[in-house]
N, C-alpha and C. Protein backbone atom coordinates (compact mmCIF):
# COMPACT_ATOMS: atom_id res chain seq x y z
N MET A 1 0.84 -1.16 0.00
CA MET A 1 0.00 0.00 0.00
C MET A 1 0.89 1.23 0.00
N ALA A 2 0.45 2.26 -0.70
CA ALA A 2 1.22 3.49 -0.78
C ALA A 2 0.33 4.67 -0.45
N LEU A 3 0.90 5.68 0.14
CA LEU A 3 0.20 6.92 0.43
C LEU A 3 0.99 8.02 -0.24
N THR A 4 0.37 8.68 -1.21
CA THR A 4 1.07 9.68 -2.01
C THR A 4 0.31 10.99 -1.97
N ILE A 5 0.98 12.08 -1.66
CA ILE A 5 0.38 13.40 -1.78
C ILE A 5 0.67 13.89 -3.18
N LEU A 6 -0.37 14.27 -3.90
CA LEU A 6 -0.23 14.62 -5.31
C LEU A 6 0.15 16.08 -5.48
N PRO A 7 1.31 16.36 -6.06
CA PRO A 7 1.74 17.75 -6.22
C PRO A 7 0.95 18.51 -7.27
N ASN A 8 0.28 17.81 -8.20
CA ASN A 8 -0.42 18.49 -9.27
C ASN A 8 -1.88 18.77 -8.93
N LEU A 9 -2.33 18.39 -7.76
CA LEU A 9 -3.69 18.70 -7.31
C LEU A 9 -3.61 19.65 -6.13
N HIS A 10 -4.73 20.22 -5.77
CA HIS A 10 -4.77 21.11 -4.61
C HIS A 10 -4.74 20.25 -3.34
N HIS A 11 -3.54 19.84 -2.97
CA HIS A 11 -3.40 18.93 -1.84
C HIS A 11 -3.35 19.65 -0.50
N VAL A 12 -3.22 20.97 -0.52
CA VAL A 12 -3.24 21.73 0.72
C VAL A 12 -4.68 22.12 1.01
N PRO A 13 -5.21 21.77 2.18
CA PRO A 13 -6.60 22.14 2.47
C PRO A 13 -6.82 23.64 2.36
N ARG A 14 -7.96 24.01 1.82
CA ARG A 14 -8.31 25.42 1.63
C ARG A 14 -9.57 25.73 2.43
N PHE A 15 -9.82 27.01 2.64
CA PHE A 15 -10.99 27.45 3.38
C PHE A 15 -11.57 28.66 2.66
N TYR A 16 -12.86 28.57 2.30
CA TYR A 16 -13.53 29.70 1.67
C TYR A 16 -14.15 30.57 2.75
N LEU A 17 -13.77 31.83 2.81
CA LEU A 17 -14.30 32.73 3.82
C LEU A 17 -15.79 33.00 3.61
N ILE A 18 -16.23 33.09 2.35
CA ILE A 18 -17.63 33.43 2.06
C ILE A 18 -18.56 32.29 2.45
N SER A 19 -18.28 31.07 2.02
CA SER A 19 -19.16 29.94 2.29
C SER A 19 -18.82 29.23 3.60
N GLY A 20 -17.60 29.40 4.07
CA GLY A 20 -17.18 28.71 5.29
C GLY A 20 -16.85 27.25 5.07
N LYS A 21 -16.78 26.80 3.81
CA LYS A 21 -16.49 25.39 3.51
C LYS A 21 -14.99 25.17 3.37
N ARG A 22 -14.57 24.02 3.85
CA ARG A 22 -13.19 23.58 3.65
C ARG A 22 -13.17 22.61 2.49
N TRP A 23 -12.09 22.62 1.71
CA TRP A 23 -11.95 21.66 0.61
C TRP A 23 -10.47 21.43 0.38
N GLY A 24 -10.17 20.34 -0.31
CA GLY A 24 -8.78 20.03 -0.67
C GLY A 24 -8.25 18.88 0.14
N GLY A 25 -6.97 18.92 0.42
CA GLY A 25 -6.32 17.83 1.12
C GLY A 25 -6.37 16.53 0.34
N VAL A 26 -6.23 16.61 -0.99
CA VAL A 26 -6.36 15.43 -1.84
C VAL A 26 -5.15 14.51 -1.65
N VAL A 27 -5.45 13.23 -1.40
CA VAL A 27 -4.42 12.21 -1.18
C VAL A 27 -4.75 11.00 -2.05
N ALA A 28 -3.74 10.41 -2.67
CA ALA A 28 -3.91 9.18 -3.45
C ALA A 28 -3.41 8.01 -2.61
N THR A 29 -4.29 7.04 -2.37
CA THR A 29 -3.92 5.84 -1.61
C THR A 29 -4.07 4.64 -2.53
N GLY A 30 -3.06 3.82 -2.64
CA GLY A 30 -3.13 2.67 -3.53
C GLY A 30 -1.80 1.96 -3.61
N GLY A 31 -1.59 1.33 -4.74
CA GLY A 31 -0.35 0.58 -4.91
C GLY A 31 0.04 0.46 -6.37
N ALA A 32 1.24 -0.02 -6.59
CA ALA A 32 1.76 -0.18 -7.95
C ALA A 32 2.69 -1.38 -8.01
N VAL A 33 2.72 -2.01 -9.17
CA VAL A 33 3.62 -3.13 -9.45
C VAL A 33 4.36 -2.80 -10.73
N GLY A 34 5.66 -2.95 -10.72
CA GLY A 34 6.45 -2.67 -11.91
C GLY A 34 7.25 -3.89 -12.34
N LEU A 35 7.35 -4.09 -13.64
CA LEU A 35 8.14 -5.17 -14.22
C LEU A 35 9.08 -4.58 -15.27
N SER A 36 10.25 -5.17 -15.40
CA SER A 36 11.15 -4.73 -16.46
C SER A 36 11.99 -5.90 -16.95
N TRP A 37 12.39 -5.81 -18.20
CA TRP A 37 13.29 -6.79 -18.81
C TRP A 37 14.26 -6.02 -19.67
N ASP A 38 15.52 -6.08 -19.30
CA ASP A 38 16.53 -5.31 -20.00
C ASP A 38 17.83 -6.09 -19.95
N ARG A 39 18.43 -6.31 -21.11
CA ARG A 39 19.69 -7.05 -21.17
C ARG A 39 20.88 -6.13 -21.37
N GLY A 40 20.69 -4.85 -21.11
CA GLY A 40 21.78 -3.90 -21.22
C GLY A 40 21.98 -3.33 -22.60
N GLY A 41 21.14 -3.69 -23.55
CA GLY A 41 21.25 -3.18 -24.91
C GLY A 41 20.46 -1.89 -25.10
N ALA A 42 20.19 -1.60 -26.35
CA ALA A 42 19.48 -0.37 -26.69
C ALA A 42 17.98 -0.48 -26.44
N HIS A 43 17.47 -1.68 -26.25
CA HIS A 43 16.03 -1.87 -26.11
C HIS A 43 15.72 -2.69 -24.86
N GLY A 44 14.55 -2.47 -24.32
CA GLY A 44 14.09 -3.22 -23.16
C GLY A 44 12.58 -3.07 -23.06
N VAL A 45 12.01 -3.72 -22.09
CA VAL A 45 10.56 -3.65 -21.88
C VAL A 45 10.32 -3.28 -20.42
N TRP A 46 9.46 -2.29 -20.21
CA TRP A 46 9.11 -1.85 -18.87
C TRP A 46 7.60 -1.70 -18.79
N ALA A 47 7.03 -2.06 -17.67
CA ALA A 47 5.58 -1.93 -17.48
C ALA A 47 5.30 -1.61 -16.01
N VAL A 48 4.29 -0.77 -15.80
CA VAL A 48 3.84 -0.44 -14.45
C VAL A 48 2.32 -0.51 -14.42
N LEU A 49 1.77 -1.18 -13.43
CA LEU A 49 0.33 -1.25 -13.22
C LEU A 49 0.06 -0.64 -11.86
N SER A 50 -0.80 0.37 -11.82
CA SER A 50 -1.09 1.01 -10.54
C SER A 50 -2.57 1.32 -10.43
N ALA A 51 -3.04 1.38 -9.20
CA ALA A 51 -4.42 1.77 -8.91
C ALA A 51 -4.40 2.59 -7.63
N HIS A 52 -5.09 3.71 -7.65
CA HIS A 52 -5.15 4.59 -6.49
C HIS A 52 -6.56 5.13 -6.32
N GLU A 53 -6.91 5.42 -5.09
CA GLU A 53 -8.17 6.09 -4.78
C GLU A 53 -7.82 7.50 -4.33
N LEU A 54 -8.49 8.49 -4.90
CA LEU A 54 -8.27 9.88 -4.51
C LEU A 54 -9.31 10.26 -3.47
N THR A 55 -8.86 10.81 -2.36
CA THR A 55 -9.77 11.25 -1.31
C THR A 55 -9.42 12.66 -0.89
N GLY A 56 -10.40 13.37 -0.39
CA GLY A 56 -10.19 14.73 0.08
C GLY A 56 -11.46 15.27 0.71
N LYS A 57 -11.40 16.47 1.17
CA LYS A 57 -12.53 17.12 1.83
C LYS A 57 -13.30 17.97 0.82
N ASN A 58 -14.58 17.64 0.61
CA ASN A 58 -15.46 18.38 -0.30
C ASN A 58 -14.91 18.44 -1.72
N VAL A 59 -14.34 17.33 -2.20
CA VAL A 59 -13.88 17.23 -3.59
C VAL A 59 -14.68 16.13 -4.28
N ALA A 60 -14.73 16.16 -5.60
CA ALA A 60 -15.52 15.19 -6.36
C ALA A 60 -14.96 13.78 -6.18
N ASP A 61 -15.85 12.78 -6.16
CA ASP A 61 -15.44 11.39 -6.10
C ASP A 61 -14.81 10.97 -7.41
N ASN A 62 -14.00 9.91 -7.37
CA ASN A 62 -13.42 9.40 -8.61
C ASN A 62 -13.87 7.99 -8.88
């Protein structure tokens, strides 16, 4: 299991003064598996399979 804070999303919780609602704090929780085959030449094969759930306060479900 992995816990990753996403730098490309609004991961810092925010607070709207007008509505009083908090939102943000987006975190990706999940895991990944990687495979590679490389014999040191110019070519190789790499693959990564990952799945994560995004959670946060007052943000859309995924």
